[in-house]
Amino acid sequence: MMPRPNPKTLQQIPNIGKAIEKSLNLIGINSPQQLINNDPYNMYYELCDTKNEKVDPCVLDVFISAVRYMEGGPAKKWWEFTGERKRILGAKH
């Protein structure tokens, strides 16, 4: 997939609002381009560690959607990634 160069701010990415932008900022992601080639699962675990709590796993779905979008994938609703998250996390545990 080709990287998507057009969003200038995180909130211009589908599914990202103020709360998710704040979560991304907490883990050092401040621009859309920083999502490219980033592992959304590692991002989620880093957020949990940073906040010292288990963050709602739906946030991981949003991270997956944002990374895929920035890597050139189509805009999809975040919940379209829930099945993938459950499969991958289920395989890890």
C-alpha atoms as a PDB file:
ATOM      1  CA  MET A   1       0.000   0.000   0.000  1.00  0.00           C
ATOM      2  CA  MET A   2       1.141   3.537  -0.687  1.00  0.00           C
ATOM      3  CA  PRO A   3       1.326   5.951   2.254  1.00  0.00           C
ATOM      4  CA  ARG A   4      -1.487   8.483   2.332  1.00  0.00           C
ATOM      5  CA  PRO A   5       0.114  11.972   2.387  1.00  0.00           C
ATOM      6  CA  ASN A   6      -2.968  14.175   2.662  1.00  0.00           C
ATOM      7  CA  PRO A   7      -4.078  14.438   6.345  1.00  0.00           C
ATOM      8  CA  LYS A   8      -2.302  17.310   8.082  1.00  0.00           C
ATOM      9  CA  THR A   9      -3.699  16.653  11.574  1.00  0.00           C
ATOM     10  CA  LEU A  10      -4.601  13.489  13.451  1.00  0.00           C
ATOM     11  CA  GLN A  11      -8.268  14.498  13.604  1.00  0.00           C
ATOM     12  CA  GLN A  12      -8.407  14.540   9.794  1.00  0.00           C
ATOM     13  CA  ILE A  13      -7.996  10.748   9.883  1.00  0.00           C
ATOM     14  CA  PRO A  14     -11.284   8.793   9.986  1.00  0.00           C
ATOM     15  CA  ASN A  15     -12.284   7.681  13.516  1.00  0.00           C
ATOM     16  CA  ILE A  16      -9.909  10.053  15.305  1.00  0.00           C
ATOM     17  CA  GLY A  17     -11.450  12.699  17.518  1.00  0.00           C
ATOM     18  CA  LYS A  18     -10.117  14.720  20.423  1.00  0.00           C
ATOM     19  CA  ALA A  19      -9.949  11.790  22.879  1.00  0.00           C
ATOM     20  CA  ILE A  20      -8.025   9.484  20.530  1.00  0.00           C
ATOM     21  CA  GLU A  21      -5.755  12.345  19.479  1.00  0.00           C
ATOM     22  CA  LYS A  22      -4.952  12.932  23.158  1.00  0.00           C
ATOM     23  CA  SER A  23      -4.196   9.217  23.615  1.00  0.00           C
ATOM     24  CA  LEU A  24      -1.903   9.248  20.582  1.00  0.00           C
ATOM     25  CA  ASN A  25      -0.139  12.347  21.919  1.00  0.00           C
ATOM     26  CA  LEU A  26       0.474  10.512  25.209  1.00  0.00           C
ATOM     27  CA  ILE A  27       2.521   7.911  23.341  1.00  0.00           C
ATOM     28  CA  GLY A  28       4.421  10.474  21.296  1.00  0.00           C
ATOM     29  CA  ILE A  29       2.382  10.441  18.102  1.00  0.00           C
ATOM     30  CA  ASN A  30       1.624  14.004  17.078  1.00  0.00           C
ATOM     31  CA  SER A  31       1.251  13.824  13.302  1.00  0.00           C
ATOM     32  CA  PRO A  32      -0.533  11.487  10.871  1.00  0.00           C
ATOM     33  CA  GLN A  33       2.760  10.510   9.212  1.00  0.00           C
ATOM     34  CA  GLN A  34       4.000   9.006  12.490  1.00  0.00           C
ATOM     35  CA  LEU A  35       1.342   6.297  12.146  1.00  0.00           C
ATOM     36  CA  ILE A  36       2.867   4.901   8.960  1.00  0.00           C
ATOM     37  CA  ASN A  37       4.694   1.616   9.647  1.00  0.00           C
ATOM     38  CA  ASN A  38       3.748   1.818  13.320  1.00  0.00           C
ATOM     39  CA  ASP A  39       2.359  -1.308  15.008  1.00  0.00           C
ATOM     40  CA  PRO A  40      -1.108  -0.480  16.388  1.00  0.00           C
ATOM     41  CA  TYR A  41      -0.889  -3.338  18.920  1.00  0.00           C
ATOM     42  CA  ASN A  42       2.378  -1.989  20.318  1.00  0.00           C
ATOM     43  CA  MET A  43       0.848   1.495  20.356  1.00  0.00           C
ATOM     44  CA  TYR A  44      -2.080   0.179  22.397  1.00  0.00           C
ATOM     45  CA  TYR A  45       0.157  -1.614  24.912  1.00  0.00           C
ATOM     46  CA  GLU A  46       2.304   1.505  25.226  1.00  0.00           C
ATOM     47  CA  LEU A  47      -0.838   3.548  25.952  1.00  0.00           C
ATOM     48  CA  CYS A  48      -1.922   1.056  28.631  1.00  0.00           C
ATOM     49  CA  ASP A  49       1.560   1.263  30.195  1.00  0.00           C
ATOM     50  CA  THR A  50       1.621   5.060  29.998  1.00  0.00           C
ATOM     51  CA  LYS A  51      -1.806   5.374  31.628  1.00  0.00           C
ATOM     52  CA  ASN A  52      -1.036   2.536  34.045  1.00  0.00           C
ATOM     53  CA  GLU A  53      -4.408   0.928  33.278  1.00  0.00           C
ATOM     54  CA  LYS A  54      -6.034  -1.385  30.765  1.00  0.00           C
ATOM     55  CA  VAL A  55      -7.492   0.914  28.137  1.00  0.00           C
ATOM     56  CA  ASP A  56     -10.742  -0.078  26.399  1.00  0.00           C
ATOM     57  CA  PRO A  57      -9.735  -2.493  23.601  1.00  0.00           C
ATOM     58  CA  CYS A  58     -11.918  -0.525  21.170  1.00  0.00           C
ATOM     59  CA  VAL A  59      -9.127   2.067  21.239  1.00  0.00           C
ATOM     60  CA  LEU A  60      -6.928  -0.586  19.641  1.00  0.00           C
ATOM     61  CA  ASP A  61      -9.513  -0.959  16.871  1.00  0.00           C
ATOM     62  CA  VAL A  62      -9.247   2.785  16.237  1.00  0.00           C
ATOM     63  CA  PHE A  63      -5.444   2.571  16.204  1.00  0.00           C
ATOM     64  CA  ILE A  64      -5.604  -0.264  13.649  1.00  0.00           C
ATOM     65  CA  SER A  65      -8.005   1.728  11.456  1.00  0.00           C
ATOM     66  CA  ALA A  66      -5.811   4.843  11.614  1.00  0.00           C
ATOM     67  CA  VAL A  67      -2.561   3.024  10.805  1.00  0.00           C
ATOM     68  CA  ARG A  68      -4.151   1.114   7.919  1.00  0.00           C
ATOM     69  CA  TYR A  69      -5.688   4.322   6.554  1.00  0.00           C
ATOM     70  CA  MET A  70      -2.367   6.171   6.690  1.00  0.00           C
ATOM     71  CA  GLU A  71      -0.677   3.237   4.964  1.00  0.00           C
ATOM     72  CA  GLY A  72      -3.087   3.632   2.048  1.00  0.00           C
ATOM     73  CA  GLY A  73      -6.023   1.466   3.074  1.00  0.00           C
ATOM     74  CA  PRO A  74      -9.633   2.555   2.639  1.00  0.00           C
ATOM     75  CA  ALA A  75     -11.452   4.578   5.270  1.00  0.00           C
ATOM     76  CA  LYS A  76     -13.406   2.087   7.391  1.00  0.00           C
ATOM     77  CA  LYS A  77     -15.388   2.326  10.608  1.00  0.00           C
ATOM     78  CA  TRP A  78     -13.228   1.382  13.596  1.00  0.00           C
ATOM     79  CA  TRP A  79     -15.519  -1.505  14.553  1.00  0.00           C
ATOM     80  CA  GLU A  80     -14.724  -3.204  11.256  1.00  0.00           C
ATOM     81  CA  PHE A  81     -11.362  -4.089  12.860  1.00  0.00           C
ATOM     82  CA  THR A  82     -12.821  -5.648  16.022  1.00  0.00           C
ATOM     83  CA  GLY A  83     -12.853  -9.164  14.551  1.00  0.00           C
ATOM     84  CA  GLU A  84      -9.218  -8.892  13.516  1.00  0.00           C
ATOM     85  CA  ARG A  85      -8.224  -7.632  16.973  1.00  0.00           C
ATOM     86  CA  LYS A  86     -10.050 -10.504  18.656  1.00  0.00           C
ATOM     87  CA  ARG A  87      -8.448 -13.064  16.333  1.00  0.00           C
ATOM     88  CA  ILE A  88      -4.936 -11.708  16.833  1.00  0.00           C
ATOM     89  CA  LEU A  89      -5.201 -11.182  20.577  1.00  0.00           C
ATOM     90  CA  GLY A  90      -6.877 -14.564  20.955  1.00  0.00           C
ATOM     91  CA  ALA A  91      -3.974 -16.161  19.095  1.00  0.00           C
ATOM     92  CA  LYS A  92      -1.472 -14.450  21.424  1.00  0.00           C
ATOM     93  CA  HIS A  93      -3.164 -15.669  24.605  1.00  0.00           C
END
